[in-house]
């Protein structure tokens, strides 16, 4: 599973928004969020949106067993960062 990769360039997002995505599984990492500490699957995506530095960048997501998404960090190419974390168990 670790190292698995996939690419989307023919999806609806590409046709509507001009977004291409390359995604890979990094592995299981320990992640700390306000809801607690999780051994979570880390998945990293590189997004490119034509003409949009905010919509392009590296998005890293952590998924906890039986919890789903526990953390997401999107480092946009315009230099900004968006962060989402699970707040409650």
N, C-alpha and C. Protein backbone atom coordinates (compact mmCIF):
# COMPACT_ATOMS: atom_id res chain seq x y z
N UNK A 1 0.82 -1.18 0.00
CA UNK A 1 0.00 0.00 0.00
C UNK A 1 0.87 1.26 0.00
N UNK A 2 1.87 1.34 0.90
CA UNK A 2 2.75 2.50 0.92
C UNK A 2 3.42 2.64 -0.43
N UNK A 3 3.43 3.84 -0.96
CA UNK A 3 4.03 4.09 -2.26
C UNK A 3 3.06 4.00 -3.42
N UNK A 4 1.85 3.49 -3.18
CA UNK A 4 0.86 3.43 -4.26
C UNK A 4 0.59 4.84 -4.77
N UNK A 5 0.46 4.98 -6.10
CA UNK A 5 0.26 6.30 -6.71
C UNK A 5 -0.87 6.23 -7.74
N UNK A 6 -1.53 7.35 -7.93
CA UNK A 6 -2.50 7.46 -9.01
C UNK A 6 -2.60 8.90 -9.45
N UNK A 7 -3.10 9.10 -10.64
CA UNK A 7 -3.15 10.42 -11.27
C UNK A 7 -4.52 10.60 -11.91
N UNK A 8 -5.07 11.78 -11.78
CA UNK A 8 -6.33 12.07 -12.46
C UNK A 8 -6.16 13.32 -13.30
N UNK A 9 -6.50 13.19 -14.54
CA UNK A 9 -6.47 14.32 -15.45
C UNK A 9 -7.69 14.31 -16.34
N UNK A 10 -8.49 13.27 -16.23
CA UNK A 10 -9.69 13.15 -17.06
C UNK A 10 -10.95 13.27 -16.23
N UNK A 11 -10.81 13.58 -14.96
CA UNK A 11 -11.96 13.67 -14.06
C UNK A 11 -12.77 14.94 -14.34
N UNK A 12 -13.93 14.99 -13.72
CA UNK A 12 -14.82 16.15 -13.88
C UNK A 12 -14.11 17.43 -13.46
N UNK A 13 -13.33 17.39 -12.36
CA UNK A 13 -12.63 18.59 -11.90
C UNK A 13 -11.70 19.15 -12.96
N UNK A 14 -11.06 18.27 -13.73
CA UNK A 14 -10.19 18.74 -14.80
C UNK A 14 -10.99 19.46 -15.87
N UNK A 15 -12.09 18.87 -16.28
CA UNK A 15 -12.89 19.47 -17.36
C UNK A 15 -13.56 20.77 -16.95
N UNK A 16 -13.96 20.88 -15.68
CA UNK A 16 -14.64 22.09 -15.23
C UNK A 16 -13.65 23.15 -14.75
N UNK A 17 -12.65 22.74 -13.92
CA UNK A 17 -11.77 23.69 -13.26
C UNK A 17 -10.33 23.66 -13.77
N UNK A 18 -9.98 22.71 -14.62
CA UNK A 18 -8.62 22.60 -15.12
C UNK A 18 -7.65 22.06 -14.08
N UNK A 19 -8.14 21.20 -13.16
CA UNK A 19 -7.31 20.66 -12.08
C UNK A 19 -6.80 19.28 -12.43
N UNK A 20 -5.49 19.07 -12.28
CA UNK A 20 -4.91 17.73 -12.37
C UNK A 20 -4.35 17.39 -10.99
N UNK A 21 -4.41 16.11 -10.65
CA UNK A 21 -4.00 15.67 -9.32
C UNK A 21 -3.16 14.40 -9.44
N UNK A 22 -2.06 14.37 -8.69
CA UNK A 22 -1.25 13.18 -8.54
C UNK A 22 -1.21 12.86 -7.06
N UNK A 23 -1.61 11.65 -6.68
CA UNK A 23 -1.75 11.29 -5.27
C UNK A 23 -0.92 10.06 -4.95
N UNK A 24 -0.37 10.03 -3.74
CA UNK A 24 0.39 8.85 -3.31
C UNK A 24 0.14 8.58 -1.83
N UNK A 25 0.27 7.32 -1.45
CA UNK A 25 0.17 6.93 -0.05
C UNK A 25 1.57 6.99 0.53
N UNK A 26 1.73 7.78 1.60
CA UNK A 26 3.03 7.96 2.24
C UNK A 26 3.27 6.85 3.25
N UNK A 27 2.26 6.51 4.04
CA UNK A 27 2.39 5.47 5.06
C UNK A 27 1.61 5.86 6.29
N UNK A 28 1.78 5.10 7.36
CA UNK A 28 1.08 5.38 8.61
C UNK A 28 1.98 6.27 9.48
N UNK A 29 1.41 7.36 9.97
CA UNK A 29 2.13 8.32 10.80
C UNK A 29 1.31 8.61 12.04
N UNK A 30 1.97 8.98 13.09
CA UNK A 30 1.30 9.41 14.32
C UNK A 30 1.01 10.90 14.16
N UNK A 31 -0.24 11.29 14.35
CA UNK A 31 -0.63 12.69 14.17
C UNK A 31 -1.39 13.16 15.40
N UNK A 32 -1.07 14.37 15.85
CA UNK A 32 -1.70 14.98 17.03
C UNK A 32 -2.65 16.08 16.57
N UNK A 33 -3.90 16.01 17.02
CA UNK A 33 -4.91 17.04 16.73
C UNK A 33 -5.68 17.28 18.02
N UNK A 34 -6.51 18.33 18.09
CA UNK A 34 -7.26 18.60 19.32
C UNK A 34 -8.10 17.41 19.81
N UNK A 35 -8.56 16.54 18.92
CA UNK A 35 -9.38 15.39 19.31
C UNK A 35 -8.54 14.25 19.88
N UNK A 36 -7.22 14.33 19.79
CA UNK A 36 -6.37 13.28 20.33
C UNK A 36 -5.21 12.94 19.41
N UNK A 37 -4.59 11.80 19.67
CA UNK A 37 -3.46 11.33 18.88
C UNK A 37 -3.88 10.07 18.14
N UNK A 38 -3.56 10.02 16.86
CA UNK A 38 -4.01 8.92 16.01
C UNK A 38 -2.83 8.35 15.22
N UNK A 39 -2.84 7.04 15.02
CA UNK A 39 -2.00 6.41 14.01
C UNK A 39 -2.82 6.49 12.74
N UNK A 40 -2.41 7.34 11.83
CA UNK A 40 -3.24 7.68 10.68
C UNK A 40 -2.51 7.42 9.37
N UNK A 41 -3.27 7.04 8.37
CA UNK A 41 -2.74 6.85 7.03
C UNK A 41 -2.50 8.22 6.40
N UNK A 42 -1.26 8.49 5.99
CA UNK A 42 -0.92 9.78 5.37
C UNK A 42 -1.00 9.64 3.86
N UNK A 43 -1.75 10.52 3.24
CA UNK A 43 -1.94 10.54 1.79
C UNK A 43 -1.58 11.94 1.30
N UNK A 44 -0.75 12.02 0.28
CA UNK A 44 -0.29 13.32 -0.23
C UNK A 44 -0.72 13.48 -1.69
N UNK A 45 -1.29 14.66 -1.99
CA UNK A 45 -1.71 14.98 -3.36
C UNK A 45 -1.04 16.27 -3.82
N UNK A 46 -0.61 16.29 -5.06
CA UNK A 46 -0.08 17.49 -5.69
C UNK A 46 -1.14 17.93 -6.71
N UNK A 47 -1.69 19.12 -6.50
CA UNK A 47 -2.75 19.64 -7.36
C UNK A 47 -2.23 20.79 -8.20
N UNK A 48 -2.61 20.82 -9.45
CA UNK A 48 -2.27 21.92 -10.34
C UNK A 48 -3.56 22.39 -11.01
N UNK A 49 -3.89 23.66 -10.79
CA UNK A 49 -5.07 24.26 -11.41
C UNK A 49 -4.59 25.38 -12.33
N UNK A 50 -4.92 25.26 -13.59
CA UNK A 50 -4.49 26.26 -14.58
C UNK A 50 -4.81 27.67 -14.12
N UNK A 51 -3.76 28.52 -14.08
CA UNK A 51 -3.95 29.93 -13.79
C UNK A 51 -4.30 30.26 -12.34
N UNK A 52 -4.25 29.28 -11.44
CA UNK A 52 -4.65 29.51 -10.04
C UNK A 52 -3.58 29.01 -9.09
N UNK A 53 -2.83 29.94 -8.49
CA UNK A 53 -1.81 29.54 -7.52
C UNK A 53 -2.45 29.09 -6.21
N UNK A 54 -3.61 29.66 -5.85
CA UNK A 54 -4.28 29.24 -4.62
C UNK A 54 -4.84 27.83 -4.75
N UNK A 55 -5.32 27.47 -5.90
CA UNK A 55 -5.90 26.13 -6.12
C UNK A 55 -4.86 25.08 -6.43
N UNK A 56 -3.59 25.47 -6.49
CA UNK A 56 -2.50 24.55 -6.78
C UNK A 56 -1.62 24.42 -5.54
N UNK A 57 -1.00 23.26 -5.40
CA UNK A 57 -0.08 23.06 -4.28
C UNK A 57 -0.07 21.63 -3.81
N UNK A 58 0.39 21.44 -2.57
CA UNK A 58 0.51 20.11 -1.99
C UNK A 58 -0.49 19.98 -0.84
N UNK A 59 -1.33 18.97 -0.94
CA UNK A 59 -2.34 18.71 0.10
C UNK A 59 -1.98 17.39 0.77
N UNK A 60 -1.77 17.43 2.08
CA UNK A 60 -1.46 16.23 2.85
C UNK A 60 -2.63 15.95 3.77
N UNK A 61 -3.10 14.69 3.75
CA UNK A 61 -4.27 14.30 4.54
C UNK A 61 -3.90 13.10 5.40
N UNK A 62 -4.47 13.05 6.61
CA UNK A 62 -4.27 11.93 7.52
C UNK A 62 -5.64 11.36 7.87
N UNK A 63 -5.79 10.04 7.69
CA UNK A 63 -7.05 9.34 7.93
C UNK A 63 -6.87 8.34 9.06
N UNK A 64 -7.68 8.46 10.11
CA UNK A 64 -7.63 7.55 11.24
C UNK A 64 -8.61 6.41 11.06
N UNK A 65 -8.23 5.23 11.53
CA UNK A 65 -9.12 4.06 11.45
C UNK A 65 -10.42 4.36 12.18
N UNK A 66 -11.53 4.08 11.55
CA UNK A 66 -12.87 4.30 12.11
C UNK A 66 -13.14 5.76 12.46
N UNK A 67 -12.32 6.70 11.96
CA UNK A 67 -12.50 8.13 12.23
C UNK A 67 -12.63 8.93 10.95
N UNK A 68 -12.01 8.46 9.89
CA UNK A 68 -11.98 9.22 8.65
C UNK A 68 -10.90 10.29 8.72
N UNK A 69 -11.14 11.40 8.06
CA UNK A 69 -10.15 12.49 8.00
C UNK A 69 -9.96 13.10 9.38
N UNK A 70 -8.71 13.10 9.88
CA UNK A 70 -8.42 13.73 11.17
C UNK A 70 -7.62 15.01 11.01
N UNK A 71 -6.90 15.14 9.87
CA UNK A 71 -6.14 16.36 9.63
C UNK A 71 -5.89 16.51 8.13
N UNK A 72 -5.89 17.77 7.69
CA UNK A 72 -5.57 18.11 6.30
C UNK A 72 -4.76 19.40 6.31
N UNK A 73 -3.65 19.40 5.59
CA UNK A 73 -2.84 20.61 5.42
C UNK A 73 -2.66 20.82 3.92
N UNK A 74 -3.08 21.98 3.42
CA UNK A 74 -2.95 22.32 2.01
C UNK A 74 -2.01 23.51 1.90
N UNK A 75 -0.81 23.27 1.39
CA UNK A 75 0.17 24.35 1.17
C UNK A 75 0.01 24.82 -0.27
N UNK A 76 -0.64 25.97 -0.41
CA UNK A 76 -0.95 26.52 -1.73
C UNK A 76 0.30 27.14 -2.35
N UNK A 77 0.34 27.18 -3.67
CA UNK A 77 1.48 27.76 -4.37
C UNK A 77 1.57 29.28 -4.24
N UNK A 78 0.53 29.90 -3.69
CA UNK A 78 0.61 31.35 -3.47
C UNK A 78 1.28 31.67 -2.13
N UNK A 79 1.73 30.63 -1.40
CA UNK A 79 2.40 30.82 -0.12
C UNK A 79 1.51 30.66 1.10
N UNK A 80 0.19 30.60 0.90
CA UNK A 80 -0.72 30.43 2.03
C UNK A 80 -0.89 28.94 2.37
N UNK A 81 -1.42 28.69 3.55
CA UNK A 81 -1.65 27.32 4.00
C UNK A 81 -3.04 27.22 4.61
N UNK A 82 -3.79 26.18 4.24
CA UNK A 82 -5.09 25.88 4.84
C UNK A 82 -4.93 24.64 5.70
N UNK A 83 -5.51 24.66 6.93
CA UNK A 83 -5.40 23.53 7.84
C UNK A 83 -6.79 23.18 8.36
N UNK A 84 -7.10 21.88 8.37
CA UNK A 84 -8.35 21.36 8.93
C UNK A 84 -7.95 20.28 9.91
N UNK A 85 -8.52 20.31 11.14
CA UNK A 85 -8.23 19.26 12.12
C UNK A 85 -9.52 18.80 12.79
N UNK A 86 -9.51 17.55 13.23
CA UNK A 86 -10.62 17.01 13.98
C UNK A 86 -10.57 17.58 15.39
N UNK A 87 -11.68 18.16 15.85
CA UNK A 87 -11.70 18.85 17.13
C UNK A 87 -12.17 17.98 18.29
N UNK A 88 -13.12 17.06 18.01
CA UNK A 88 -13.70 16.24 19.08
C UNK A 88 -13.68 14.78 18.68
N UNK A 89 -13.53 13.93 19.71
CA UNK A 89 -13.60 12.48 19.48
C UNK A 89 -15.01 12.05 19.26
